[in-house]
mmCIF file of all heavy atoms, coordinates in Angstrom:
data_MODEL
# 
_entry.id   MODEL 
# 
loop_
_atom_site.group_PDB 
_atom_site.id 
_atom_site.type_symbol 
_atom_site.label_atom_id 
_atom_site.label_alt_id 
_atom_site.label_comp_id 
_atom_site.label_asym_id 
_atom_site.label_entity_id 
_atom_site.label_seq_id 
_atom_site.pdbx_PDB_ins_code 
_atom_site.Cartn_x 
_atom_site.Cartn_y 
_atom_site.Cartn_z 
_atom_site.occupancy 
_atom_site.B_iso_or_equiv 
_atom_site.pdbx_formal_charge 
_atom_site.auth_seq_id 
_atom_site.auth_comp_id 
_atom_site.auth_asym_id 
_atom_site.auth_atom_id 
_atom_site.pdbx_PDB_model_num 
ATOM 1   N N   . ALA A 1 1  ? 0.804   -1.220 0.000  1.00 0.00 ? 1  ALA A N   1 
ATOM 2   C CA  . ALA A 1 1  ? 0.000   0.000  0.000  1.00 0.00 ? 1  ALA A CA  1 
ATOM 3   C C   . ALA A 1 1  ? 0.836   1.269  0.000  1.00 0.00 ? 1  ALA A C   1 
ATOM 4   O O   . ALA A 1 1  ? 0.287   2.369  -0.099 1.00 0.00 ? 1  ALA A O   1 
ATOM 5   C CB  . ALA A 1 1  ? -0.929  0.003  1.216  1.00 0.00 ? 1  ALA A CB  1 
ATOM 6   N N   . LEU A 1 2  ? 2.157   1.143  0.110  1.00 0.00 ? 2  LEU A N   1 
ATOM 7   C CA  . LEU A 1 2  ? 3.030   2.312  0.177  1.00 0.00 ? 2  LEU A CA  1 
ATOM 8   C C   . LEU A 1 2  ? 3.625   2.659  -1.175 1.00 0.00 ? 2  LEU A C   1 
ATOM 9   O O   . LEU A 1 2  ? 3.936   1.782  -1.985 1.00 0.00 ? 2  LEU A O   1 
ATOM 10  C CB  . LEU A 1 2  ? 4.170   2.065  1.171  1.00 0.00 ? 2  LEU A CB  1 
ATOM 11  C CG  . LEU A 1 2  ? 3.764   1.906  2.639  1.00 0.00 ? 2  LEU A CG  1 
ATOM 12  C CD1 . LEU A 1 2  ? 4.984   1.565  3.479  1.00 0.00 ? 2  LEU A CD1 1 
ATOM 13  C CD2 . LEU A 1 2  ? 3.098   3.160  3.163  1.00 0.00 ? 2  LEU A CD2 1 
ATOM 14  N N   . ALA A 1 3  ? 3.808   3.961  -1.390 1.00 0.00 ? 3  ALA A N   1 
ATOM 15  C CA  . ALA A 1 3  ? 4.489   4.429  -2.591 1.00 0.00 ? 3  ALA A CA  1 
ATOM 16  C C   . ALA A 1 3  ? 5.969   4.074  -2.505 1.00 0.00 ? 3  ALA A C   1 
ATOM 17  O O   . ALA A 1 3  ? 6.498   3.800  -1.422 1.00 0.00 ? 3  ALA A O   1 
ATOM 18  C CB  . ALA A 1 3  ? 4.304   5.935  -2.741 1.00 0.00 ? 3  ALA A CB  1 
ATOM 19  N N   . ASP A 1 4  ? 6.659   4.104  -3.643 1.00 0.00 ? 4  ASP A N   1 
ATOM 20  C CA  . ASP A 1 4  ? 8.065   3.703  -3.697 1.00 0.00 ? 4  ASP A CA  1 
ATOM 21  C C   . ASP A 1 4  ? 8.994   4.847  -3.294 1.00 0.00 ? 4  ASP A C   1 
ATOM 22  O O   . ASP A 1 4  ? 9.914   5.247  -4.030 1.00 0.00 ? 4  ASP A O   1 
ATOM 23  C CB  . ASP A 1 4  ? 8.417   3.210  -5.097 1.00 0.00 ? 4  ASP A CB  1 
ATOM 24  C CG  . ASP A 1 4  ? 7.789   1.872  -5.413 1.00 0.00 ? 4  ASP A CG  1 
ATOM 25  O OD1 . ASP A 1 4  ? 7.390   1.169  -4.469 1.00 0.00 ? 4  ASP A OD1 1 
ATOM 26  O OD2 . ASP A 1 4  ? 7.696   1.528  -6.607 1.00 0.00 ? 4  ASP A OD2 1 
ATOM 27  N N   . VAL A 1 5  ? 8.770   5.370  -2.110 1.00 0.00 ? 5  VAL A N   1 
ATOM 28  C CA  . VAL A 1 5  ? 9.637   6.416  -1.544 1.00 0.00 ? 5  VAL A CA  1 
ATOM 29  C C   . VAL A 1 5  ? 9.832   6.099  -0.073 1.00 0.00 ? 5  VAL A C   1 
ATOM 30  O O   . VAL A 1 5  ? 8.937   5.553  0.581  1.00 0.00 ? 5  VAL A O   1 
ATOM 31  C CB  . VAL A 1 5  ? 9.047   7.823  -1.713 1.00 0.00 ? 5  VAL A CB  1 
ATOM 32  C CG1 . VAL A 1 5  ? 8.984   8.215  -3.175 1.00 0.00 ? 5  VAL A CG1 1 
ATOM 33  C CG2 . VAL A 1 5  ? 7.665   7.921  -1.083 1.00 0.00 ? 5  VAL A CG2 1 
ATOM 34  N N   . ASP A 1 6  ? 11.015  6.431  0.435  1.00 0.00 ? 6  ASP A N   1 
ATOM 35  C CA  . ASP A 1 6  ? 11.269  6.181  1.849  1.00 0.00 ? 6  ASP A CA  1 
ATOM 36  C C   . ASP A 1 6  ? 10.884  7.404  2.666  1.00 0.00 ? 6  ASP A C   1 
ATOM 37  O O   . ASP A 1 6  ? 10.482  8.448  2.129  1.00 0.00 ? 6  ASP A O   1 
ATOM 38  C CB  . ASP A 1 6  ? 12.730  5.811  2.081  1.00 0.00 ? 6  ASP A CB  1 
ATOM 39  C CG  . ASP A 1 6  ? 12.922  4.919  3.303  1.00 0.00 ? 6  ASP A CG  1 
ATOM 40  O OD1 . ASP A 1 6  ? 11.909  4.624  3.981  1.00 0.00 ? 6  ASP A OD1 1 
ATOM 41  O OD2 . ASP A 1 6  ? 14.057  4.518  3.583  1.00 0.00 ? 6  ASP A OD2 1 
ATOM 42  N N   . ALA A 1 7  ? 11.021  7.280  3.957  1.00 0.00 ? 7  ALA A N   1 
ATOM 43  C CA  . ALA A 1 7  ? 10.584  8.326  4.875  1.00 0.00 ? 7  ALA A CA  1 
ATOM 44  C C   . ALA A 1 7  ? 11.452  9.581  4.769  1.00 0.00 ? 7  ALA A C   1 
ATOM 45  O O   . ALA A 1 7  ? 12.657  9.516  4.526  1.00 0.00 ? 7  ALA A O   1 
ATOM 46  C CB  . ALA A 1 7  ? 10.617  7.794  6.302  1.00 0.00 ? 7  ALA A CB  1 
ATOM 47  N N   . THR A 1 8  ? 10.814  10.721 4.969  1.00 0.00 ? 8  THR A N   1 
ATOM 48  C CA  . THR A 1 8  ? 11.497  11.994 5.113  1.00 0.00 ? 8  THR A CA  1 
ATOM 49  C C   . THR A 1 8  ? 10.934  12.670 6.358  1.00 0.00 ? 8  THR A C   1 
ATOM 50  O O   . THR A 1 8  ? 9.946   12.208 6.941  1.00 0.00 ? 8  THR A O   1 
ATOM 51  C CB  . THR A 1 8  ? 11.272  12.904 3.897  1.00 0.00 ? 8  THR A CB  1 
ATOM 52  O OG1 . THR A 1 8  ? 9.870   13.221 3.789  1.00 0.00 ? 8  THR A OG1 1 
ATOM 53  C CG2 . THR A 1 8  ? 11.739  12.224 2.612  1.00 0.00 ? 8  THR A CG2 1 
ATOM 54  N N   . GLU A 1 9  ? 11.539  13.774 6.767  1.00 0.00 ? 9  GLU A N   1 
ATOM 55  C CA  . GLU A 1 9  ? 11.024  14.496 7.929  1.00 0.00 ? 9  GLU A CA  1 
ATOM 56  C C   . GLU A 1 9  ? 9.615   15.001 7.660  1.00 0.00 ? 9  GLU A C   1 
ATOM 57  O O   . GLU A 1 9  ? 8.766   15.014 8.558  1.00 0.00 ? 9  GLU A O   1 
ATOM 58  C CB  . GLU A 1 9  ? 11.954  15.667 8.269  1.00 0.00 ? 9  GLU A CB  1 
ATOM 59  C CG  . GLU A 1 9  ? 13.305  15.233 8.831  1.00 0.00 ? 9  GLU A CG  1 
ATOM 60  C CD  . GLU A 1 9  ? 14.137  16.414 9.295  1.00 0.00 ? 9  GLU A CD  1 
ATOM 61  O OE1 . GLU A 1 9  ? 13.582  17.534 9.337  1.00 0.00 ? 9  GLU A OE1 1 
ATOM 62  O OE2 . GLU A 1 9  ? 15.319  16.220 9.610  1.00 0.00 ? 9  GLU A OE2 1 
ATOM 63  N N   . GLU A 1 10 ? 9.365   15.418 6.437  1.00 0.00 ? 10 GLU A N   1 
ATOM 64  C CA  . GLU A 1 10 ? 8.037   15.941 6.104  1.00 0.00 ? 10 GLU A CA  1 
ATOM 65  C C   . GLU A 1 10 ? 7.011   14.825 5.929  1.00 0.00 ? 10 GLU A C   1 
ATOM 66  O O   . GLU A 1 10 ? 5.828   14.995 6.261  1.00 0.00 ? 10 GLU A O   1 
ATOM 67  C CB  . GLU A 1 10 ? 8.109   16.769 4.814  1.00 0.00 ? 10 GLU A CB  1 
ATOM 68  C CG  . GLU A 1 10 ? 8.976   18.009 4.896  1.00 0.00 ? 10 GLU A CG  1 
ATOM 69  C CD  . GLU A 1 10 ? 10.457  17.708 4.794  1.00 0.00 ? 10 GLU A CD  1 
ATOM 70  O OE1 . GLU A 1 10 ? 10.809  16.578 4.359  1.00 0.00 ? 10 GLU A OE1 1 
ATOM 71  O OE2 . GLU A 1 10 ? 11.266  18.570 5.159  1.00 0.00 ? 10 GLU A OE2 1 
ATOM 72  N N   . ASN A 1 11 ? 7.445   13.700 5.414  1.00 0.00 ? 11 ASN A N   1 
ATOM 73  C CA  . ASN A 1 11 ? 6.536   12.590 5.120  1.00 0.00 ? 11 ASN A CA  1 
ATOM 74  C C   . ASN A 1 11 ? 7.094   11.289 5.683  1.00 0.00 ? 11 ASN A C   1 
ATOM 75  O O   . ASN A 1 11 ? 7.941   10.651 5.049  1.00 0.00 ? 11 ASN A O   1 
ATOM 76  C CB  . ASN A 1 11 ? 6.324   12.450 3.609  1.00 0.00 ? 11 ASN A CB  1 
ATOM 77  C CG  . ASN A 1 11 ? 5.651   13.662 3.008  1.00 0.00 ? 11 ASN A CG  1 
ATOM 78  O OD1 . ASN A 1 11 ? 4.549   14.039 3.393  1.00 0.00 ? 11 ASN A OD1 1 
ATOM 79  N ND2 . ASN A 1 11 ? 6.327   14.293 2.051  1.00 0.00 ? 11 ASN A ND2 1 
ATOM 80  N N   . PRO A 1 12 ? 6.637   10.882 6.876  1.00 0.00 ? 12 PRO A N   1 
ATOM 81  C CA  . PRO A 1 12 ? 7.107   9.622  7.467  1.00 0.00 ? 12 PRO A CA  1 
ATOM 82  C C   . PRO A 1 12 ? 6.817   8.421  6.578  1.00 0.00 ? 12 PRO A C   1 
ATOM 83  O O   . PRO A 1 12 ? 7.555   7.442  6.596  1.00 0.00 ? 12 PRO A O   1 
ATOM 84  C CB  . PRO A 1 12 ? 6.341   9.541  8.785  1.00 0.00 ? 12 PRO A CB  1 
ATOM 85  C CG  . PRO A 1 12 ? 5.937   10.952 9.083  1.00 0.00 ? 12 PRO A CG  1 
ATOM 86  C CD  . PRO A 1 12 ? 5.718   11.594 7.765  1.00 0.00 ? 12 PRO A CD  1 
ATOM 87  N N   . PHE A 1 13 ? 5.722   8.501  5.822  1.00 0.00 ? 13 PHE A N   1 
ATOM 88  C CA  . PHE A 1 13 ? 5.403   7.485  4.822  1.00 0.00 ? 13 PHE A CA  1 
ATOM 89  C C   . PHE A 1 13 ? 4.433   8.097  3.833  1.00 0.00 ? 13 PHE A C   1 
ATOM 90  O O   . PHE A 1 13 ? 3.735   9.073  4.137  1.00 0.00 ? 13 PHE A O   1 
ATOM 91  C CB  . PHE A 1 13 ? 4.804   6.217  5.456  1.00 0.00 ? 13 PHE A CB  1 
ATOM 92  C CG  . PHE A 1 13 ? 3.512   6.440  6.187  1.00 0.00 ? 13 PHE A CG  1 
ATOM 93  C CD1 . PHE A 1 13 ? 2.290   6.381  5.526  1.00 0.00 ? 13 PHE A CD1 1 
ATOM 94  C CD2 . PHE A 1 13 ? 3.510   6.708  7.552  1.00 0.00 ? 13 PHE A CD2 1 
ATOM 95  C CE1 . PHE A 1 13 ? 1.098   6.582  6.194  1.00 0.00 ? 13 PHE A CE1 1 
ATOM 96  C CE2 . PHE A 1 13 ? 2.328   6.912  8.240  1.00 0.00 ? 13 PHE A CE2 1 
ATOM 97  C CZ  . PHE A 1 13 ? 1.123   6.851  7.562  1.00 0.00 ? 13 PHE A CZ  1 
ATOM 98  N N   . VAL A 1 14 ? 4.379   7.526  2.638  1.00 0.00 ? 14 VAL A N   1 
ATOM 99  C CA  . VAL A 1 14 ? 3.461   8.007  1.596  1.00 0.00 ? 14 VAL A CA  1 
ATOM 100 C C   . VAL A 1 14 ? 2.673   6.818  1.077  1.00 0.00 ? 14 VAL A C   1 
ATOM 101 O O   . VAL A 1 14 ? 3.262   5.816  0.649  1.00 0.00 ? 14 VAL A O   1 
ATOM 102 C CB  . VAL A 1 14 ? 4.229   8.683  0.430  1.00 0.00 ? 14 VAL A CB  1 
ATOM 103 C CG1 . VAL A 1 14 ? 3.245   9.124  -0.650 1.00 0.00 ? 14 VAL A CG1 1 
ATOM 104 C CG2 . VAL A 1 14 ? 5.056   9.851  0.934  1.00 0.00 ? 14 VAL A CG2 1 
ATOM 105 N N   . LEU A 1 15 ? 1.361   6.912  1.096  1.00 0.00 ? 15 LEU A N   1 
ATOM 106 C CA  . LEU A 1 15 ? 0.521   5.842  0.575  1.00 0.00 ? 15 LEU A CA  1 
ATOM 107 C C   . LEU A 1 15 ? 0.488   5.870  -0.949 1.00 0.00 ? 15 LEU A C   1 
ATOM 108 O O   . LEU A 1 15 ? 0.537   6.933  -1.573 1.00 0.00 ? 15 LEU A O   1 
ATOM 109 C CB  . LEU A 1 15 ? -0.897  5.969  1.126  1.00 0.00 ? 15 LEU A CB  1 
ATOM 110 C CG  . LEU A 1 15 ? -1.062  5.778  2.635  1.00 0.00 ? 15 LEU A CG  1 
ATOM 111 C CD1 . LEU A 1 15 ? -2.520  5.997  3.041  1.00 0.00 ? 15 LEU A CD1 1 
ATOM 112 C CD2 . LEU A 1 15 ? -0.613  4.390  3.068  1.00 0.00 ? 15 LEU A CD2 1 
ATOM 113 N N   . ARG A 1 16 ? 0.405   4.682  -1.533 1.00 0.00 ? 16 ARG A N   1 
ATOM 114 C CA  . ARG A 1 16 ? 0.312   4.563  -2.984 1.00 0.00 ? 16 ARG A CA  1 
ATOM 115 C C   . ARG A 1 16 ? -1.002  5.181  -3.466 1.00 0.00 ? 16 ARG A C   1 
ATOM 116 O O   . ARG A 1 16 ? -2.065  4.934  -2.906 1.00 0.00 ? 16 ARG A O   1 
ATOM 117 C CB  . ARG A 1 16 ? 0.368   3.094  -3.375 1.00 0.00 ? 16 ARG A CB  1 
ATOM 118 C CG  . ARG A 1 16 ? 0.369   2.838  -4.877 1.00 0.00 ? 16 ARG A CG  1 
ATOM 119 C CD  . ARG A 1 16 ? 0.303   1.350  -5.161 1.00 0.00 ? 16 ARG A CD  1 
ATOM 120 N NE  . ARG A 1 16 ? 1.447   0.651  -4.585 1.00 0.00 ? 16 ARG A NE  1 
ATOM 121 C CZ  . ARG A 1 16 ? 2.614   0.513  -5.187 1.00 0.00 ? 16 ARG A CZ  1 
ATOM 122 N NH1 . ARG A 1 16 ? 2.796   1.052  -6.389 1.00 0.00 ? 16 ARG A NH1 1 
ATOM 123 N NH2 . ARG A 1 16 ? 3.597   -0.152 -4.602 1.00 0.00 ? 16 ARG A NH2 1 
ATOM 124 N N   . ASP A 1 17 ? -0.926  5.969  -4.519 1.00 0.00 ? 17 ASP A N   1 
ATOM 125 C CA  . ASP A 1 17 ? -2.120  6.641  -5.043 1.00 0.00 ? 17 ASP A CA  1 
ATOM 126 C C   . ASP A 1 17 ? -2.904  5.686  -5.945 1.00 0.00 ? 17 ASP A C   1 
ATOM 127 O O   . ASP A 1 17 ? -3.005  5.875  -7.153 1.00 0.00 ? 17 ASP A O   1 
ATOM 128 C CB  . ASP A 1 17 ? -1.717  7.902  -5.817 1.00 0.00 ? 17 ASP A CB  1 
ATOM 129 C CG  . ASP A 1 17 ? -2.919  8.740  -6.212 1.00 0.00 ? 17 ASP A CG  1 
ATOM 130 O OD1 . ASP A 1 17 ? -3.964  8.635  -5.539 1.00 0.00 ? 17 ASP A OD1 1 
ATOM 131 O OD2 . ASP A 1 17 ? -2.812  9.484  -7.205 1.00 0.00 ? 17 ASP A OD2 1 
ATOM 132 N N   . SER A 1 18 ? -3.472  4.661  -5.349 1.00 0.00 ? 18 SER A N   1 
ATOM 133 C CA  . SER A 1 18 ? -4.199  3.630  -6.092 1.00 0.00 ? 18 SER A CA  1 
ATOM 134 C C   . SER A 1 18 ? -5.689  3.956  -6.147 1.00 0.00 ? 18 SER A C   1 
ATOM 135 O O   . SER A 1 18 ? -6.172  4.875  -5.469 1.00 0.00 ? 18 SER A O   1 
ATOM 136 C CB  . SER A 1 18 ? -4.019  2.274  -5.406 1.00 0.00 ? 18 SER A CB  1 
ATOM 137 O OG  . SER A 1 18 ? -4.619  2.305  -4.115 1.00 0.00 ? 18 SER A OG  1 
ATOM 138 N N   . PHE A 1 19 ? -6.417  3.193  -6.941 1.00 0.00 ? 19 PHE A N   1 
ATOM 139 C CA  . PHE A 1 19 ? -7.874  3.373  -7.001 1.00 0.00 ? 19 PHE A CA  1 
ATOM 140 C C   . PHE A 1 19 ? -8.502  3.085  -5.645 1.00 0.00 ? 19 PHE A C   1 
ATOM 141 O O   . PHE A 1 19 ? -9.535  3.663  -5.295 1.00 0.00 ? 19 PHE A O   1 
ATOM 142 C CB  . PHE A 1 19 ? -8.491  2.481  -8.083 1.00 0.00 ? 19 PHE A CB  1 
ATOM 143 C CG  . PHE A 1 19 ? -8.528  1.019  -7.754 1.00 0.00 ? 19 PHE A CG  1 
ATOM 144 C CD1 . PHE A 1 19 ? -9.666  0.447  -7.199 1.00 0.00 ? 19 PHE A CD1 1 
ATOM 145 C CD2 . PHE A 1 19 ? -7.429  0.198  -7.999 1.00 0.00 ? 19 PHE A CD2 1 
ATOM 146 C CE1 . PHE A 1 19 ? -9.706  -0.909 -6.892 1.00 0.00 ? 19 PHE A CE1 1 
ATOM 147 C CE2 . PHE A 1 19 ? -7.465  -1.148 -7.698 1.00 0.00 ? 19 PHE A CE2 1 
ATOM 148 C CZ  . PHE A 1 19 ? -8.595  -1.707 -7.144 1.00 0.00 ? 19 PHE A CZ  1 
ATOM 149 N N   . LEU A 1 20 ? -7.885  2.220  -4.863 1.00 0.00 ? 20 LEU A N   1 
ATOM 150 C CA  . LEU A 1 20 ? -8.389  1.917  -3.525 1.00 0.00 ? 20 LEU A CA  1 
ATOM 151 C C   . LEU A 1 20 ? -8.347  3.157  -2.643 1.00 0.00 ? 20 LEU A C   1 
ATOM 152 O O   . LEU A 1 20 ? -9.331  3.499  -1.964 1.00 0.00 ? 20 LEU A O   1 
ATOM 153 C CB  . LEU A 1 20 ? -7.554  0.802  -2.900 1.00 0.00 ? 20 LEU A CB  1 
ATOM 154 C CG  . LEU A 1 20 ? -7.640  -0.567 -3.558 1.00 0.00 ? 20 LEU A CG  1 
ATOM 155 C CD1 . LEU A 1 20 ? -6.513  -1.477 -3.047 1.00 0.00 ? 20 LEU A CD1 1 
ATOM 156 C CD2 . LEU A 1 20 ? -8.989  -1.212 -3.292 1.00 0.00 ? 20 LEU A CD2 1 
ATOM 157 N N   . LEU A 1 21 ? -7.200  3.827  -2.633 1.00 0.00 ? 21 LEU A N   1 
ATOM 158 C CA  . LEU A 1 21 ? -7.042  5.014  -1.799 1.00 0.00 ? 21 LEU A CA  1 
ATOM 159 C C   . LEU A 1 21 ? -7.928  6.153  -2.294 1.00 0.00 ? 21 LEU A C   1 
ATOM 160 O O   . LEU A 1 21 ? -8.516  6.895  -1.494 1.00 0.00 ? 21 LEU A O   1 
ATOM 161 C CB  . LEU A 1 21 ? -5.578  5.457  -1.804 1.00 0.00 ? 21 LEU A CB  1 
ATOM 162 C CG  . LEU A 1 21 ? -5.228  6.638  -0.899 1.00 0.00 ? 21 LEU A CG  1 
ATOM 163 C CD1 . LEU A 1 21 ? -5.392  6.249  0.571  1.00 0.00 ? 21 LEU A CD1 1 
ATOM 164 C CD2 . LEU A 1 21 ? -3.809  7.134  -1.163 1.00 0.00 ? 21 LEU A CD2 1 
ATOM 165 N N   . GLN A 1 22 ? -8.043  6.293  -3.599 1.00 0.00 ? 22 GLN A N   1 
ATOM 166 C CA  . GLN A 1 22 ? -8.844  7.383  -4.164 1.00 0.00 ? 22 GLN A CA  1 
ATOM 167 C C   . GLN A 1 22 ? -10.324 7.248  -3.812 1.00 0.00 ? 22 GLN A C   1 
ATOM 168 O O   . GLN A 1 22 ? -10.990 8.242  -3.506 1.00 0.00 ? 22 GLN A O   1 
ATOM 169 C CB  . GLN A 1 22 ? -8.666  7.412  -5.682 1.00 0.00 ? 22 GLN A CB  1 
ATOM 170 C CG  . GLN A 1 22 ? -7.270  7.798  -6.128 1.00 0.00 ? 22 GLN A CG  1 
ATOM 171 C CD  . GLN A 1 22 ? -7.048  7.584  -7.612 1.00 0.00 ? 22 GLN A CD  1 
ATOM 172 O OE1 . GLN A 1 22 ? -7.994  7.300  -8.358 1.00 0.00 ? 22 GLN A OE1 1 
ATOM 173 N NE2 . GLN A 1 22 ? -5.794  7.700  -8.056 1.00 0.00 ? 22 GLN A NE2 1 
ATOM 174 N N   . GLU A 1 23 ? -10.832 6.035  -3.832 1.00 0.00 ? 23 GLU A N   1 
ATOM 175 C CA  . GLU A 1 23 ? -12.260 5.831  -3.601 1.00 0.00 ? 23 GLU A CA  1 
ATOM 176 C C   . GLU A 1 23 ? -12.601 5.562  -2.135 1.00 0.00 ? 23 GLU A C   1 
ATOM 177 O O   . GLU A 1 23 ? -13.673 5.932  -1.669 1.00 0.00 ? 23 GLU A O   1 
ATOM 178 C CB  . GLU A 1 23 ? -12.763 4.672  -4.463 1.00 0.00 ? 23 GLU A CB  1 
ATOM 179 C CG  . GLU A 1 23 ? -12.748 4.947  -5.941 1.00 0.00 ? 23 GLU A CG  1 
ATOM 180 C CD  . GLU A 1 23 ? -13.636 6.120  -6.328 1.00 0.00 ? 23 GLU A CD  1 
ATOM 181 O OE1 . GLU A 1 23 ? -14.710 6.290  -5.696 1.00 0.00 ? 23 GLU A OE1 1 
ATOM 182 O OE2 . GLU A 1 23 ? -13.252 6.883  -7.237 1.00 0.00 ? 23 GLU A OE2 1 
ATOM 183 N N   . VAL A 1 24 ? -11.690 4.908  -1.415 1.00 0.00 ? 24 VAL A N   1 
ATOM 184 C CA  . VAL A 1 24 ? -11.935 4.591  -0.003 1.00 0.00 ? 24 VAL A CA  1 
ATOM 185 C C   . VAL A 1 24 ? -10.661 4.953  0.769  1.00 0.00 ? 24 VAL A C   1 
ATOM 186 O O   . VAL A 1 24 ? -9.805  4.094  1.024  1.00 0.00 ? 24 VAL A O   1 
ATOM 187 C CB  . VAL A 1 24 ? -12.277 3.098  0.190  1.00 0.00 ? 24 VAL A CB  1 
ATOM 188 C CG1 . VAL A 1 24 ? -12.694 2.833  1.637  1.00 0.00 ? 24 VAL A CG1 1 
ATOM 189 C CG2 . VAL A 1 24 ? -13.383 2.666  -0.770 1.00 0.00 ? 24 VAL A CG2 1 
ATOM 190 N N   . PRO A 1 25 ? -10.516 6.221  1.159  1.00 0.00 ? 25 PRO A N   1 
ATOM 191 C CA  . PRO A 1 25 ? -9.273  6.678  1.789  1.00 0.00 ? 25 PRO A CA  1 
ATOM 192 C C   . PRO A 1 25 ? -8.872  5.895  3.039  1.00 0.00 ? 25 PRO A C   1 
ATOM 193 O O   . PRO A 1 25 ? -7.680  5.800  3.352  1.00 0.00 ? 25 PRO A O   1 
ATOM 194 C CB  . PRO A 1 25 ? -9.574  8.144  2.125  1.00 0.00 ? 25 PRO A CB  1 
ATOM 195 C CG  . PRO A 1 25 ? -10.629 8.551  1.143  1.00 0.00 ? 25 PRO A CG  1 
ATOM 196 C CD  . PRO A 1 25 ? -11.471 7.330  0.940  1.00 0.00 ? 25 PRO A CD  1 
ATOM 197 N N   . ASP A 1 26 ? -9.840  5.335  3.745  1.00 0.00 ? 26 ASP A N   1 
ATOM 198 C CA  . ASP A 1 26 ? -9.532  4.557  4.958  1.00 0.00 ? 26 ASP A CA  1 
ATOM 199 C C   . ASP A 1 26 ? -9.629  3.051  4.715  1.00 0.00 ? 26 ASP A C   1 
ATOM 200 O O   . ASP A 1 26 ? -9.876  2.280  5.643  1.00 0.00 ? 26 ASP A O   1 
ATOM 201 C CB  . ASP A 1 26 ? -10.446 4.970  6.107  1.00 0.00 ? 26 ASP A CB  1 
ATOM 202 C CG  . ASP A 1 26 ? -11.932 4.778  5.785  1.00 0.00 ? 26 ASP A CG  1 
ATOM 203 O OD1 . ASP A 1 26 ? -12.268 4.621  4.588  1.00 0.00 ? 26 ASP A OD1 1 
ATOM 204 O OD2 . ASP A 1 26 ? -12.737 4.783  6.730  1.00 0.00 ? 26 ASP A OD2 1 
ATOM 205 N N   . TYR A 1 27 ? -9.377  2.620  3.491  1.00 0.00 ? 27 TYR A N   1 
ATOM 206 C CA  . TYR A 1 27 ? -9.537  1.196  3.159  1.00 0.00 ? 27 TYR A CA  1 
ATOM 207 C C   . TYR A 1 27 ? -8.606  0.294  3.967  1.00 0.00 ? 27 TYR A C   1 
ATOM 208 O O   . TYR A 1 27 ? -8.950  -0.842 4.282  1.00 0.00 ? 27 TYR A O   1 
ATOM 209 C CB  . TYR A 1 27 ? -9.339  0.957  1.654  1.00 0.00 ? 27 TYR A CB  1 
ATOM 210 C CG  . TYR A 1 27 ? -7.910  0.881  1.184  1.00 0.00 ? 27 TYR A CG  1 
ATOM 211 C CD1 . TYR A 1 27 ? -7.244  -0.345 1.075  1.00 0.00 ? 27 TYR A CD1 1 
ATOM 212 C CD2 . TYR A 1 27 ? -7.219  2.033  0.817  1.00 0.00 ? 27 TYR A CD2 1 
ATOM 213 C CE1 . TYR A 1 27 ? -5.939  -0.412 0.632  1.00 0.00 ? 27 TYR A CE1 1 
ATOM 214 C CE2 . TYR A 1 27 ? -5.912  1.969  0.374  1.00 0.00 ? 27 TYR A CE2 1 
ATOM 215 C CZ  . TYR A 1 27 ? -5.274  0.748  0.280  1.00 0.00 ? 27 TYR A CZ  1 
ATOM 216 O OH  . TYR A 1 27 ? -3.974  0.681  -0.157 1.00 0.00 ? 27 TYR A OH  1 
# 
């Protein structure tokens, strides 16, 4: 479920921008 980027101070993690996340953000 995670995007292909590692953690930064601004973003501890980034979720993959999939159709799942777009339609059901708390899936």
